[in-house]
């Protein structure tokens, strides 16, 4: 699976991931792909558990450029954060990232070739819509990837599957308790209050539907992307992935 090629990444990118159901997995895959030929940084504008396969640099905003510059020379790909989170929920270890402006400044300093950013949280749900103060997307982002899990298809629109289901319902003009259809997912992906919220004007946007492990889920993912393409011209392509099966399909908007 060549995720970097499917996203059309060049040698200088700031890629922000939003949504639910595959942000960290996608970022880890890109970090592994870039390592060895590029200097890659993995971070967040919210909180995150440190990725297990990357060395972690923890330093405040004033010292992060120097710390990252030193670490990435030997490591190739690193994670970086501003501080540890005390008594984290749902995981043993969690770190706090940086404000979007600090990540923009690090990108402009050309310390890293790729910066991969987890720009919101989903509390381990399969689908979400952003809250009023989300997502925190760096203004210098060159690519934004709204993520949805295919496991949300045919589930019921409740808190068990969806983070902030009431916001999803509002965006898609549905009700709590409705079945999550491809059309509903497409509506949220294409909405300025959903997948396109806080996306910089100059960024490319590539929706990604993950966990499409079977034929039925891949079919529903194609339907969801088609519904999204019908609602906005911000998407030139969309991706359907299964990291478990190591498959990737690129879907082009007509």
Protein backbone atom coordinates (compact mmCIF):
# COMPACT_ATOMS: atom_id res chain seq x y z
CA UNK A 1 0.00 0.00 0.00
CA UNK A 2 1.66 3.22 -1.17
CA UNK A 3 -0.36 5.72 0.84
CA UNK A 4 2.01 8.60 0.12
CA UNK A 5 1.63 8.17 -3.64
CA UNK A 6 -2.15 7.83 -3.35
CA UNK A 7 -2.25 11.11 -1.42
CA UNK A 8 -0.01 12.71 -4.04
CA UNK A 9 2.62 13.74 -1.51
CA UNK A 10 5.77 15.51 -2.63
CA UNK A 11 8.97 16.09 -0.70
CA UNK A 12 7.58 19.01 1.36
CA UNK A 13 4.16 18.49 2.96
CA UNK A 14 2.18 19.36 6.06
CA UNK A 15 -0.59 16.76 6.20
CA UNK A 16 -3.44 17.18 8.70
CA UNK A 17 -5.77 14.31 9.56
CA UNK A 18 -9.28 14.88 10.93
CA UNK A 19 -12.25 12.63 11.62
CA UNK A 20 -12.33 9.11 13.03
CA UNK A 21 -11.32 5.56 12.33
CA UNK A 22 -7.77 5.67 11.01
CA UNK A 23 -5.92 8.94 11.62
CA UNK A 24 -3.09 7.51 13.73
CA UNK A 25 -2.76 4.38 11.60
CA UNK A 26 -2.49 6.46 8.43
CA UNK A 27 0.08 8.75 10.02
CA UNK A 28 2.15 5.79 11.18
CA UNK A 29 2.10 4.31 7.68
CA UNK A 30 3.29 7.59 6.16
CA UNK A 31 6.02 7.96 8.77
CA UNK A 32 7.29 4.50 7.88
CA UNK A 33 7.17 5.27 4.16
CA UNK A 34 9.01 8.55 4.49
CA UNK A 35 11.66 7.35 6.90
CA UNK A 36 15.01 6.79 5.23
CA UNK A 37 14.61 9.37 2.47
CA UNK A 38 12.90 12.26 4.27
CA UNK A 39 12.81 13.87 7.70
CA UNK A 40 9.34 13.18 9.08
CA UNK A 41 7.57 14.48 12.19
CA UNK A 42 4.40 13.07 13.76
CA UNK A 43 2.47 15.31 16.15
CA UNK A 44 -0.92 16.67 17.15
CA UNK A 45 -2.75 19.92 17.83
CA UNK A 46 -4.71 18.16 20.58
CA UNK A 47 -3.57 15.08 22.54
CA UNK A 48 -2.32 11.68 21.46
CA UNK A 49 -0.80 8.48 22.74
CA UNK A 50 2.84 8.40 21.53
CA UNK A 51 3.21 6.17 18.45
CA UNK A 52 5.04 2.99 19.50
CA UNK A 53 7.41 2.83 16.53
CA UNK A 54 8.81 6.37 16.75
CA UNK A 55 11.13 8.07 19.21
CA UNK A 56 9.35 10.83 21.11
CA UNK A 57 10.75 14.34 21.55
CA UNK A 58 9.06 16.32 24.34
CA UNK A 59 9.88 20.02 24.44
CA UNK A 60 7.98 23.29 24.82
CA UNK A 61 7.32 25.68 21.93
CA UNK A 62 10.46 27.74 22.56
CA UNK A 63 12.80 24.79 22.26
CA UNK A 64 11.03 22.43 19.90
CA UNK A 65 12.77 23.53 16.68
CA UNK A 66 16.24 22.83 18.07
CA UNK A 67 15.15 19.56 19.71
CA UNK A 68 13.49 18.26 16.56
CA UNK A 69 16.42 19.31 14.37
CA UNK A 70 18.83 17.34 16.54
CA UNK A 71 16.67 14.22 16.90
CA UNK A 72 15.60 13.86 13.29
CA UNK A 73 19.19 13.82 12.02
CA UNK A 74 19.72 10.38 13.54
CA UNK A 75 16.17 9.01 13.65
CA UNK A 76 14.77 10.07 10.26
CA UNK A 77 11.21 10.01 11.61
CA UNK A 78 10.16 11.14 15.09
CA UNK A 79 7.10 12.02 17.13
CA UNK A 80 7.12 15.30 19.01
CA UNK A 81 4.96 16.90 21.69
CA UNK A 82 5.04 19.74 24.22
CA UNK A 83 4.46 17.84 27.46
CA UNK A 84 3.04 14.71 29.07
CA UNK A 85 -0.62 14.58 30.10
CA UNK A 86 -1.20 13.68 33.73
CA UNK A 87 -3.69 10.89 34.46
CA UNK A 88 -4.70 10.28 30.85
CA UNK A 89 -7.99 8.56 30.11
CA UNK A 90 -8.36 5.44 27.95
CA UNK A 91 -4.58 4.94 27.51
CA UNK A 92 -1.55 4.55 29.78
CA UNK A 93 0.44 7.43 28.25
CA UNK A 94 -0.72 10.53 26.42
CA UNK A 95 1.02 13.73 25.35
CA UNK A 96 -0.15 17.21 24.45
CA UNK A 97 0.84 18.66 21.11
CA UNK A 98 1.15 22.22 19.88
CA UNK A 99 -1.03 25.08 18.75
CA UNK A 100 -1.45 25.18 14.96
CA UNK A 101 0.68 28.34 14.74
CA UNK A 102 3.65 26.59 16.36
CA UNK A 103 3.42 23.74 13.85
CA UNK A 104 3.20 26.26 11.00
CA UNK A 105 6.37 27.93 12.28
CA UNK A 106 8.20 24.59 12.47
CA UNK A 107 7.13 23.76 8.92
CA UNK A 108 8.31 27.16 7.67
CA UNK A 109 11.67 26.58 9.38
CA UNK A 110 12.20 23.57 7.04
CA UNK A 111 13.41 21.39 9.90
CA UNK A 112 11.14 18.58 8.67
CA UNK A 113 10.18 17.52 5.16
CA UNK A 114 6.83 16.06 6.19
CA UNK A 115 4.85 17.02 9.25
CA UNK A 116 1.93 14.70 9.99
CA UNK A 117 -0.70 16.17 12.29
CA UNK A 118 -3.55 14.62 14.21
CA UNK A 119 -5.83 17.67 14.24
CA UNK A 120 -8.75 16.41 16.33
CA UNK A 121 -9.89 13.51 18.49
CA UNK A 122 -12.67 10.93 18.16
CA UNK A 123 -12.58 8.96 21.44
CA UNK A 124 -12.04 5.70 19.54
CA UNK A 125 -15.31 5.98 17.62
CA UNK A 126 -15.79 5.09 13.95
CA UNK A 127 -17.27 8.39 12.73
CA UNK A 128 -17.56 11.97 13.96
CA UNK A 129 -18.38 15.56 13.20
CA UNK A 130 -16.30 18.38 14.69
CA UNK A 131 -17.35 20.42 17.70
CA UNK A 132 -17.54 24.23 17.57
CA UNK A 133 -13.83 24.60 18.41
CA UNK A 134 -12.60 21.73 16.20
CA UNK A 135 -10.57 20.81 14.27
CA UNK A 136 -7.32 22.66 14.99
CA UNK A 137 -5.81 22.54 11.50
CA UNK A 138 -2.51 24.35 10.86
CA UNK A 139 -2.93 27.14 8.31
CA UNK A 140 0.12 25.91 6.35
CA UNK A 141 -1.43 22.47 5.77
CA UNK A 142 -0.83 21.37 2.19
CA UNK A 143 -3.12 18.32 2.43
CA UNK A 144 -6.08 17.64 4.74
CA UNK A 145 -7.42 14.09 5.08
CA UNK A 146 -10.94 13.67 6.53
CA UNK A 147 -11.15 10.07 7.79
CA UNK A 148 -14.18 7.82 8.32
CA UNK A 149 -14.31 4.14 9.25
CA UNK A 150 -16.34 1.83 7.02
CA UNK A 151 -17.43 0.07 10.21
CA UNK A 152 -19.85 2.97 10.69
CA UNK A 153 -21.96 1.88 7.72
CA UNK A 154 -25.27 0.28 8.78
CA UNK A 155 -24.63 1.15 12.42
CA UNK A 156 -27.07 3.32 14.33
CA UNK A 157 -26.35 7.01 14.83
CA UNK A 158 -25.65 6.94 18.57
CA UNK A 159 -22.72 7.64 20.88
CA UNK A 160 -21.67 3.98 20.80
CA UNK A 161 -20.38 4.35 17.23
CA UNK A 162 -20.23 8.10 16.61
CA UNK A 163 -18.41 10.89 18.41
CA UNK A 164 -20.85 13.82 18.70
CA UNK A 165 -23.76 12.09 16.92
CA UNK A 166 -25.98 15.14 17.41
CA UNK A 167 -23.67 17.20 15.20
CA UNK A 168 -23.63 14.48 12.54
CA UNK A 169 -27.42 14.42 12.64
CA UNK A 170 -27.63 18.20 12.20
CA UNK A 171 -25.21 18.28 9.28
CA UNK A 172 -26.91 15.40 7.45
CA UNK A 173 -30.48 16.42 8.35
CA UNK A 174 -31.05 13.11 10.12
CA UNK A 175 -32.07 12.06 13.62
CA UNK A 176 -30.35 10.27 16.47
CA UNK A 177 -31.12 6.59 16.05
CA UNK A 178 -31.12 6.65 12.24
CA UNK A 179 -29.05 4.12 10.32
CA UNK A 180 -25.73 5.44 9.01
CA UNK A 181 -25.87 5.17 5.23
CA UNK A 182 -23.25 5.98 2.58
CA UNK A 183 -25.29 9.06 1.65
CA UNK A 184 -25.15 10.28 5.26
CA UNK A 185 -21.38 9.76 5.41
CA UNK A 186 -20.93 11.56 2.09
CA UNK A 187 -22.98 14.52 3.32
CA UNK A 188 -20.78 14.93 6.40
CA UNK A 189 -17.52 14.52 4.48
CA UNK A 190 -18.51 17.26 2.03
CA UNK A 191 -19.91 19.70 4.59
CA UNK A 192 -18.25 22.95 5.63
CA UNK A 193 -19.33 21.95 9.14
CA UNK A 194 -17.95 18.44 8.74
CA UNK A 195 -15.02 17.14 6.71
CA UNK A 196 -14.22 20.55 5.22
CA UNK A 197 -14.34 22.53 8.45
CA UNK A 198 -11.27 24.74 9.02
CA UNK A 199 -9.57 23.44 5.86
CA UNK A 200 -7.16 26.10 4.51
CA UNK A 201 -8.16 27.46 1.11
CA UNK A 202 -4.95 26.30 -0.55
CA UNK A 203 -4.93 22.76 0.82
CA UNK A 204 -5.83 19.70 -1.20
CA UNK A 205 -8.51 17.61 0.53
CA UNK A 206 -8.51 13.82 0.16
CA UNK A 207 -11.22 11.93 2.06
CA UNK A 208 -10.20 8.49 3.28
CA UNK A 209 -12.60 5.70 4.23
CA UNK A 210 -10.69 3.13 6.28
CA UNK A 211 -11.45 -0.35 7.63
CA UNK A 212 -13.09 -1.35 4.34
CA UNK A 213 -12.08 -4.95 4.91
CA UNK A 214 -14.73 -6.69 2.80
CA UNK A 215 -16.47 -6.30 -0.55
CA UNK A 216 -19.66 -4.92 0.97
CA UNK A 217 -17.77 -2.25 2.90
CA UNK A 218 -15.76 -1.28 -0.16
CA UNK A 219 -18.97 -0.91 -2.17
CA UNK A 220 -20.51 1.29 0.51
CA UNK A 221 -17.31 3.34 0.68
CA UNK A 222 -17.51 4.00 -3.05
CA UNK A 223 -21.13 5.09 -2.65
CA UNK A 224 -20.17 7.45 0.18
CA UNK A 225 -17.37 9.01 -1.85
CA UNK A 226 -19.67 9.43 -4.84
CA UNK A 227 -22.19 11.20 -2.59
CA UNK A 228 -19.42 13.47 -1.29
CA UNK A 229 -18.15 14.24 -4.80
CA UNK A 230 -21.67 15.30 -5.79
CA UNK A 231 -21.77 17.89 -3.00
CA UNK A 232 -18.42 19.67 -3.39
CA UNK A 233 -15.65 20.32 -5.88
CA UNK A 234 -12.95 20.29 -3.17
CA UNK A 235 -12.31 16.57 -3.71
CA UNK A 236 -10.43 15.38 -6.79
CA UNK A 237 -9.90 11.88 -5.40
CA UNK A 238 -10.85 9.79 -2.40
CA UNK A 239 -9.19 6.73 -0.87
CA UNK A 240 -10.62 3.44 0.37
CA UNK A 241 -8.24 1.54 2.63
CA UNK A 242 -7.90 -1.55 4.76
CA UNK A 243 -4.69 -1.53 6.75
CA UNK A 244 -5.58 -4.99 8.02
CA UNK A 245 -5.73 -6.40 4.48
CA UNK A 246 -3.10 -3.94 3.16
CA UNK A 247 -5.37 -2.71 0.37
CA UNK A 248 -5.87 0.75 -1.08
CA UNK A 249 -8.22 1.94 -3.80
CA UNK A 250 -8.10 5.40 -5.35
CA UNK A 251 -11.50 6.73 -6.44
CA UNK A 252 -11.52 9.71 -8.82
CA UNK A 253 -14.27 12.31 -8.90
CA UNK A 254 -15.94 12.55 -12.31
